């Protein structure tokens, strides 16, 4: 699939490659003659590539910069690092496909080793991919050619500081709108927690499945099945902590009314966002500013350190946008608010015998787990409420998370 044994063509275009052109296909799952699908190759050797992909992401967190690992650089407080809350480490396929790009780059690296082309040509409008393949060719001493058919991704052409500025302004505006939206949730802050021996905390979402008239009740059934009923029948006290998820067809005031109606002698209900205060907001902003300072200090050295240590530094190009967004948009402020909110809630709450939370490796989960342990609560169980899929890398995680 090299042209006359000297050229490797990588095709990432909305246009179909000519039938007579041997190449590797960045998208698509079917091999066509001398055109090989990278996704199919990744799938065929999935176990090994998944393991090596996770090792690479783990290596990022352990990368030493000026005597400290990246995980340590991003420490918020002892035992909690912001690294595990970044989009880079979260590996959540619903938020980013960067890990899929890494897997395909790994497959390309192997193809280059196998076929030893003299030139690599990329047909793509993806500038992050162009930067990655160009770096790979530079490292291997290969000639690199590029053309960008169709629409070119111009956002990646902006300098990092400009992209960061746009995301920061947009993130602040989104945060203000969100704070106004969730203001009715503060009514549930004066909840009376259950604190008797054997009480449980359940951390859940309020996002229902659209069936019936009560989204909150639907959410319990969707995520927890019959467990709440069994606990009630056994006489166990339950504290429900709802992590509010905004929805166009659900007003926060309606969510408050629904949750209040489910409170009884055995159940207490509250929303995490009820604990938002002006002080917590300012504290989160201060933390955010410190994190951005750290990110600006260590960010430029990430590629350099990978070069020095013999790492695959060219891969960073396809995760760089996730790194920037993790520190420069609503993503960062949302994560830091979660740190402060869980800290306040679990500090105020009576000691809980058992905690259960929905495990999806979302960015708020490290904040919750840290606060739970910090304030000496009992055993903690992560509930995987859906089937485990092979490429859900977030369920496996990295050492830093």
Protein backbone atom coordinates (compact mmCIF):
# COMPACT_ATOMS: atom_id res chain seq x y z
CA UNK A 1 0.00 0.00 0.00
CA UNK A 2 2.91 2.21 -0.69
CA UNK A 3 3.26 3.81 -4.09
CA UNK A 4 6.03 1.86 -5.85
CA UNK A 5 7.33 0.91 -2.41
CA UNK A 6 8.38 4.50 -1.75
CA UNK A 7 5.25 6.36 -0.69
CA UNK A 8 2.61 5.78 1.97
CA UNK A 9 -0.65 7.69 1.46
CA UNK A 10 -2.91 8.39 4.45
CA UNK A 11 -6.42 9.33 3.34
CA UNK A 12 -8.55 11.48 5.66
CA UNK A 13 -11.00 13.20 3.36
CA UNK A 14 -14.75 13.28 2.83
CA UNK A 15 -14.02 12.41 -0.80
CA UNK A 16 -13.51 8.77 -1.68
CA UNK A 17 -9.94 7.93 -2.75
CA UNK A 18 -9.56 6.84 -6.37
CA UNK A 19 -9.89 3.07 -6.68
CA UNK A 20 -6.43 2.69 -8.18
CA UNK A 21 -4.67 4.61 -5.36
CA UNK A 22 -3.14 2.37 -2.65
CA UNK A 23 -3.48 4.04 0.75
CA UNK A 24 -4.50 3.63 4.38
CA UNK A 25 -7.92 5.00 5.32
CA UNK A 26 -8.14 7.18 8.44
CA UNK A 27 -11.93 6.75 8.53
CA UNK A 28 -14.13 3.84 7.57
CA UNK A 29 -13.97 0.20 8.59
CA UNK A 30 -13.83 -1.68 5.29
CA UNK A 31 -10.67 -2.64 3.42
CA UNK A 32 -11.03 -2.00 -0.32
CA UNK A 33 -8.45 -3.72 -2.49
CA UNK A 34 -5.14 -2.04 -1.70
CA UNK A 35 -6.83 0.46 0.62
CA UNK A 36 -6.51 -0.57 4.26
CA UNK A 37 -8.76 0.64 7.07
CA UNK A 38 -6.87 1.87 10.14
CA UNK A 39 -9.93 1.29 12.34
CA UNK A 40 -10.11 -2.33 11.19
CA UNK A 41 -6.42 -2.80 11.91
CA UNK A 42 -6.87 -1.30 15.39
CA UNK A 43 -9.81 -3.61 16.06
CA UNK A 44 -7.92 -6.71 14.95
CA UNK A 45 -5.09 -6.05 17.40
CA UNK A 46 -7.27 -4.32 19.97
CA UNK A 47 -6.05 -5.87 23.22
CA UNK A 48 -2.41 -4.95 22.66
CA UNK A 49 -3.10 -1.50 21.25
CA UNK A 50 -5.53 -0.67 24.04
CA UNK A 51 -2.90 -1.63 26.62
CA UNK A 52 -0.18 0.40 24.90
CA UNK A 53 -2.52 3.38 24.48
CA UNK A 54 -3.31 3.40 28.20
CA UNK A 55 0.40 3.09 28.99
CA UNK A 56 1.10 6.16 26.86
CA UNK A 57 -1.55 8.26 28.61
CA UNK A 58 -0.30 7.03 31.97
CA UNK A 59 3.22 8.04 30.94
CA UNK A 60 2.00 11.59 30.34
CA UNK A 61 0.86 11.87 33.94
CA UNK A 62 4.16 10.50 35.21
CA UNK A 63 6.28 12.70 32.94
CA UNK A 64 8.94 14.49 35.01
CA UNK A 65 9.15 18.26 34.53
CA UNK A 66 11.64 20.18 36.69
CA UNK A 67 11.78 17.31 39.19
CA UNK A 68 8.02 16.76 39.55
CA UNK A 69 5.57 14.54 37.70
CA UNK A 70 2.73 16.19 35.82
CA UNK A 71 0.34 14.61 38.34
CA UNK A 72 2.19 16.38 41.17
CA UNK A 73 2.34 19.69 39.31
CA UNK A 74 -1.46 19.66 39.12
CA UNK A 75 -2.08 18.74 42.75
CA UNK A 76 -5.05 20.65 44.19
CA UNK A 77 -4.52 19.35 47.72
CA UNK A 78 -2.81 16.27 49.16
CA UNK A 79 -4.33 13.21 47.57
CA UNK A 80 -6.15 15.00 44.76
CA UNK A 81 -4.60 15.99 41.42
CA UNK A 82 -6.39 17.89 38.70
CA UNK A 83 -4.67 15.63 36.16
CA UNK A 84 -7.35 12.95 36.62
CA UNK A 85 -10.04 15.54 35.90
CA UNK A 86 -8.57 16.74 32.59
CA UNK A 87 -10.10 15.66 29.31
CA UNK A 88 -6.72 14.11 28.45
CA UNK A 89 -6.78 11.69 31.39
CA UNK A 90 -10.55 11.20 31.60
CA UNK A 91 -10.61 9.24 28.32
CA UNK A 92 -14.35 9.75 27.98
CA UNK A 93 -15.38 8.94 24.42
CA UNK A 94 -18.55 11.05 24.80
CA UNK A 95 -16.41 14.16 25.31
CA UNK A 96 -13.39 13.53 23.10
CA UNK A 97 -12.11 11.10 20.50
CA UNK A 98 -8.45 11.95 21.02
CA UNK A 99 -7.70 8.44 22.28
CA UNK A 100 -9.06 7.06 18.99
CA UNK A 101 -6.67 9.35 17.12
CA UNK A 102 -3.82 8.04 19.28
CA UNK A 103 -4.78 4.44 18.47
CA UNK A 104 -4.79 5.20 14.73
CA UNK A 105 -1.45 6.98 15.00
CA UNK A 106 -0.04 3.90 16.71
CA UNK A 107 -1.28 1.79 13.80
CA UNK A 108 0.36 4.18 11.31
CA UNK A 109 3.64 3.95 13.21
CA UNK A 110 3.54 0.17 12.84
CA UNK A 111 2.69 0.38 9.13
CA UNK A 112 5.69 2.66 8.59
CA UNK A 113 7.90 0.15 10.41
CA UNK A 114 6.56 -2.68 8.23
CA UNK A 115 6.71 -0.99 4.82
CA UNK A 116 9.55 1.49 5.25
CA UNK A 117 8.31 4.16 2.82
CA UNK A 118 10.54 7.05 1.84
CA UNK A 119 7.66 9.54 1.71
CA UNK A 120 4.38 9.86 3.63
CA UNK A 121 1.56 11.84 2.02
CA UNK A 122 -1.45 12.99 4.06
CA UNK A 123 -4.75 13.94 2.42
CA UNK A 124 -6.58 15.74 5.22
CA UNK A 125 -8.05 19.04 6.37
CA UNK A 126 -7.26 18.17 10.00
CA UNK A 127 -4.38 20.38 11.08
CA UNK A 128 -3.81 18.53 14.36
CA UNK A 129 -3.37 15.31 12.39
CA UNK A 130 -1.08 17.09 9.93
CA UNK A 131 1.08 18.27 12.83
CA UNK A 132 1.22 14.77 14.31
CA UNK A 133 2.10 12.99 11.04
CA UNK A 134 4.64 15.68 10.17
CA UNK A 135 6.32 15.18 13.55
CA UNK A 136 6.34 11.42 13.10
CA UNK A 137 7.98 11.76 9.68
CA UNK A 138 10.54 14.20 11.05
CA UNK A 139 11.40 11.73 13.81
CA UNK A 140 11.74 8.84 11.35
CA UNK A 141 13.65 10.86 8.74
CA UNK A 142 10.92 10.59 6.11
CA UNK A 143 9.74 13.14 3.57
CA UNK A 144 6.29 14.51 4.33
CA UNK A 145 3.71 15.81 1.87
CA UNK A 146 0.33 17.26 2.74
CA UNK A 147 -2.73 18.57 0.96
CA UNK A 148 -5.98 19.61 2.58
CA UNK A 149 -8.99 18.86 0.40
CA UNK A 150 -12.42 20.20 1.33
CA UNK A 151 -12.97 22.22 4.50
CA UNK A 152 -9.86 22.84 6.54
CA UNK A 153 -10.06 22.88 10.33
CA UNK A 154 -9.08 26.49 10.87
CA UNK A 155 -9.56 26.52 14.64
CA UNK A 156 -6.32 24.60 15.04
CA UNK A 157 -4.50 27.28 13.06
CA UNK A 158 -5.08 29.79 15.84
CA UNK A 159 -2.27 30.21 18.38
CA UNK A 160 -2.80 28.35 21.66
CA UNK A 161 -3.15 31.60 23.61
CA UNK A 162 -5.91 32.84 21.27
CA UNK A 163 -7.84 29.57 21.45
CA UNK A 164 -7.45 29.66 25.22
CA UNK A 165 -8.79 33.23 25.36
CA UNK A 166 -11.86 32.39 23.25
CA UNK A 167 -12.62 29.32 25.35
CA UNK A 168 -12.11 31.25 28.59
CA UNK A 169 -14.54 34.03 27.64
CA UNK A 170 -17.08 31.53 26.35
CA UNK A 171 -16.68 29.39 29.45
CA UNK A 172 -17.30 32.31 31.80
CA UNK A 173 -20.44 33.33 29.94
CA UNK A 174 -21.74 29.75 30.00
CA UNK A 175 -20.99 29.50 33.70
CA UNK A 176 -22.95 32.67 34.49
CA UNK A 177 -25.97 31.39 32.54
CA UNK A 178 -25.73 28.03 34.30
CA UNK A 179 -25.55 29.64 37.76
CA UNK A 180 -28.67 31.65 37.06
CA UNK A 181 -30.38 28.50 35.78
CA UNK A 182 -29.64 26.38 38.90
CA UNK A 183 -30.40 29.10 41.45
CA UNK A 184 -33.71 27.44 42.51
CA UNK A 185 -31.73 24.42 43.74
CA UNK A 186 -30.48 26.41 46.75
CA UNK A 187 -33.85 25.78 48.41
CA UNK A 188 -32.77 22.24 49.27
CA UNK A 189 -29.60 23.25 51.11
CA UNK A 190 -31.25 22.91 54.54
CA UNK A 191 -31.79 19.19 54.15
CA UNK A 192 -31.75 17.07 57.33
CA UNK A 193 -29.36 14.23 56.58
CA UNK A 194 -29.90 10.72 57.88
CA UNK A 195 -27.05 9.91 60.25
CA UNK A 196 -28.07 6.74 62.08
CA UNK A 197 -25.92 3.62 62.13
CA UNK A 198 -25.98 1.94 58.75
CA UNK A 199 -27.07 4.99 56.75
CA UNK A 200 -26.08 5.14 53.09
CA UNK A 201 -25.23 7.90 50.66
CA UNK A 202 -26.23 7.44 47.02
CA UNK A 203 -24.79 9.86 44.47
CA UNK A 204 -26.88 9.92 41.33
CA UNK A 205 -27.99 11.93 38.34
CA UNK A 206 -31.45 13.40 37.99
CA UNK A 207 -31.46 12.79 34.23
CA UNK A 208 -34.48 10.63 33.43
CA UNK A 209 -35.15 8.48 30.41
CA UNK A 210 -38.12 10.45 29.11
CA UNK A 211 -40.70 7.83 30.11
CA UNK A 212 -43.58 8.92 32.29
CA UNK A 213 -44.21 12.24 34.00
CA UNK A 214 -41.53 12.23 36.72
CA UNK A 215 -37.95 12.50 35.34
CA UNK A 216 -36.39 12.11 38.80
CA UNK A 217 -38.27 8.89 39.49
CA UNK A 218 -37.36 7.65 36.02
CA UNK A 219 -33.72 8.37 36.79
CA UNK A 220 -33.83 6.15 39.89
CA UNK A 221 -35.32 3.31 37.90
CA UNK A 222 -32.87 3.78 35.06
CA UNK A 223 -29.73 3.79 37.16
CA UNK A 224 -30.62 1.91 40.33
CA UNK A 225 -33.33 -0.58 39.38
CA UNK A 226 -35.05 -2.07 42.44
CA UNK A 227 -32.20 -1.34 44.87
CA UNK A 228 -33.88 1.69 46.55
CA UNK A 229 -37.05 -0.34 47.13
CA UNK A 230 -35.06 -3.20 48.66
CA UNK A 231 -33.18 -0.79 50.93
CA UNK A 232 -36.43 0.83 52.05
CA UNK A 233 -37.99 -2.54 52.81
CA UNK A 234 -34.94 -3.46 54.90
CA UNK A 235 -35.25 -0.24 56.90
CA UNK A 236 -31.94 1.32 55.76
CA UNK A 237 -31.72 5.11 55.87
CA UNK A 238 -30.68 6.71 52.59
CA UNK A 239 -29.24 10.10 51.71
CA UNK A 240 -29.64 10.93 48.04
CA UNK A 241 -27.20 13.42 46.53
CA UNK A 242 -28.40 14.47 43.07
CA UNK A 243 -25.83 15.83 40.64
CA UNK A 244 -28.11 18.09 38.62
CA UNK A 245 -28.00 17.74 34.86
CA UNK A 246 -29.57 20.63 32.96
CA UNK A 247 -32.14 19.74 30.34
CA UNK A 248 -34.12 22.00 27.97
CA UNK A 249 -37.44 20.42 29.01
CA UNK A 250 -36.82 20.38 32.79
CA UNK A 251 -36.86 23.43 35.02
CA UNK A 252 -34.79 23.27 38.24
CA UNK A 253 -37.84 24.31 40.26
CA UNK A 254 -39.70 21.25 38.96
CA UNK A 255 -36.74 19.04 39.88
CA UNK A 256 -36.77 20.49 43.42
CA UNK A 257 -40.49 19.79 43.77
CA UNK A 258 -40.07 16.23 42.56
CA UNK A 259 -37.14 15.48 44.85
CA UNK A 260 -38.88 17.03 47.86
CA UNK A 261 -41.92 14.84 47.30
CA UNK A 262 -39.74 11.73 47.61
CA UNK A 263 -38.28 12.68 51.00
CA UNK A 264 -39.64 10.64 53.93
CA UNK A 265 -38.57 9.11 57.24
CA UNK A 266 -35.99 6.89 55.52
CA UNK A 267 -34.87 9.13 52.65
CA UNK A 268 -33.30 12.58 52.48
CA UNK A 269 -32.78 14.26 49.11
CA UNK A 270 -30.62 17.20 48.06
CA UNK A 271 -28.87 18.58 45.00
CA UNK A 272 -25.11 18.98 45.02
CA UNK A 273 -25.45 22.41 43.42
CA UNK A 274 -27.52 23.62 46.42
CA UNK A 275 -24.23 24.28 48.25
CA UNK A 276 -23.01 26.89 45.77
CA UNK A 277 -22.07 30.13 47.55
CA UNK A 278 -20.33 33.31 46.54
CA UNK A 279 -17.31 32.27 48.62
CA UNK A 280 -17.11 28.91 46.91
CA UNK A 281 -17.31 30.57 43.50
CA UNK A 282 -14.48 32.97 44.28
CA UNK A 283 -12.43 30.13 45.76
CA UNK A 284 -12.91 28.09 42.58
CA UNK A 285 -11.88 31.04 40.41
CA UNK A 286 -8.71 31.50 42.50
CA UNK A 287 -7.88 27.84 42.10
CA UNK A 288 -8.53 28.12 38.37
CA UNK A 289 -6.14 31.03 38.02
CA UNK A 290 -3.42 29.09 39.85
CA UNK A 291 -4.03 26.05 37.66
CA UNK A 292 -3.79 28.12 34.50
CA UNK A 293 -0.49 29.53 35.71
CA UNK A 294 0.81 26.00 36.27
CA UNK A 295 -0.52 24.85 32.89
CA UNK A 296 1.23 27.73 31.12
CA UNK A 297 4.44 26.83 32.91
CA UNK A 298 4.48 23.09 32.25
CA UNK A 299 2.52 22.96 28.96
CA UNK A 300 5.33 24.12 26.66
CA UNK A 301 7.69 21.59 28.23
CA UNK A 302 5.49 18.54 27.68
CA UNK A 303 6.59 17.90 24.11
CA UNK A 304 10.21 18.79 24.91
CA UNK A 305 10.34 16.33 27.82
CA UNK A 306 8.85 13.58 25.68
CA UNK A 307 11.54 14.23 23.10
CA UNK A 308 14.25 14.07 25.76
CA UNK A 309 12.94 10.83 27.23
CA UNK A 310 12.47 9.12 23.87
CA UNK A 311 8.68 9.27 24.01
CA UNK A 312 6.29 9.51 21.08
CA UNK A 313 6.13 13.31 21.30
CA UNK A 314 4.38 13.77 17.93
CA UNK A 315 1.19 12.22 19.36
CA UNK A 316 0.66 15.22 21.62
CA UNK A 317 -0.68 17.23 18.66
CA UNK A 318 -4.00 15.35 18.69
CA UNK A 319 -4.58 15.80 22.44
CA UNK A 320 -3.38 19.39 22.73
CA UNK A 321 -6.88 20.83 22.20
CA UNK A 322 -8.18 18.72 25.10
CA UNK A 323 -5.33 20.00 27.28
CA UNK A 324 -6.19 23.62 26.45
CA UNK A 325 -9.91 23.14 27.06
CA UNK A 326 -9.26 21.43 30.39
CA UNK A 327 -7.77 24.66 31.74
CA UNK A 328 -9.35 27.43 29.72
CA UNK A 329 -13.10 26.85 29.46
CA UNK A 330 -16.14 26.04 31.54
CA UNK A 331 -14.65 22.56 31.86
CA UNK A 332 -12.07 23.78 34.39
CA UNK A 333 -14.50 25.85 36.44
CA UNK A 334 -17.07 23.05 36.47
CA UNK A 335 -14.45 20.59 37.73
CA UNK A 336 -13.18 22.93 40.44
CA UNK A 337 -16.71 23.73 41.58
CA UNK A 338 -17.26 19.98 41.98
CA UNK A 339 -14.15 19.80 44.19
CA UNK A 340 -15.46 22.56 46.45
CA UNK A 341 -19.06 21.31 46.50
CA UNK A 342 -18.26 17.72 47.44
CA UNK A 343 -15.85 18.98 50.08
CA UNK A 344 -18.57 21.08 51.72
CA UNK A 345 -21.30 18.47 51.49
CA UNK A 346 -19.26 15.59 52.90
CA UNK A 347 -17.80 17.79 55.63
CA UNK A 348 -21.33 18.70 56.78
CA UNK A 349 -22.85 15.26 56.40
CA UNK A 350 -22.97 12.80 59.35
CA UNK A 351 -20.61 9.87 58.96
CA UNK A 352 -22.03 7.46 56.40
CA UNK A 353 -21.61 3.72 56.74
CA UNK A 354 -21.63 3.12 52.98
CA UNK A 355 -21.49 5.23 49.87
CA UNK A 356 -22.61 4.26 46.37
CA UNK A 357 -22.01 6.36 43.27
CA UNK A 358 -22.59 5.90 39.55
CA UNK A 359 -19.25 4.97 38.05
CA UNK A 360 -18.59 6.38 34.58
CA UNK A 361 -15.12 7.88 35.16
CA UNK A 362 -16.62 11.35 34.86
CA UNK A 363 -14.43 14.27 35.90
CA UNK A 364 -16.40 14.90 39.13
CA UNK A 365 -15.77 11.39 40.47
CA UNK A 366 -12.18 11.95 41.73
CA UNK A 367 -13.44 15.00 43.66
CA UNK A 368 -16.17 12.96 45.32
CA UNK A 369 -13.95 9.98 46.16
CA UNK A 370 -11.30 12.30 47.62
CA UNK A 371 -13.77 14.17 49.84
CA UNK A 372 -15.36 10.90 50.99
CA UNK A 373 -12.01 9.59 52.19
CA UNK A 374 -10.89 12.95 53.53
CA UNK A 375 -13.79 13.15 55.97
CA UNK A 376 -13.57 9.55 57.16
CA UNK A 377 -16.76 8.06 55.81
CA UNK A 378 -17.13 4.28 55.49
CA UNK A 379 -16.80 1.91 52.56
CA UNK A 380 -17.37 3.25 49.08
CA UNK A 381 -18.78 1.29 46.15
CA UNK A 382 -18.63 2.35 42.51
CA UNK A 383 -21.72 1.19 40.62
CA UNK A 384 -21.22 0.41 36.93
CA UNK A 385 -24.81 0.82 35.76
CA UNK A 386 -24.22 -0.17 32.15
CA UNK A 387 -22.41 -2.86 30.21
CA UNK A 388 -18.64 -2.58 29.96
CA UNK A 389 -17.57 -1.95 26.37
CA UNK A 390 -14.10 -2.83 25.16
CA UNK A 391 -13.16 0.67 24.04
CA UNK A 392 -14.56 2.46 27.10
CA UNK A 393 -11.03 3.29 28.21
CA UNK A 394 -12.36 5.55 30.95
CA UNK A 395 -13.55 2.48 32.87
CA UNK A 396 -9.93 1.29 32.99
CA UNK A 397 -8.29 4.65 33.61
CA UNK A 398 -4.63 5.46 34.18
CA UNK A 399 -2.44 5.41 37.26
CA UNK A 400 -2.95 9.16 37.72
CA UNK A 401 -6.72 8.78 37.83
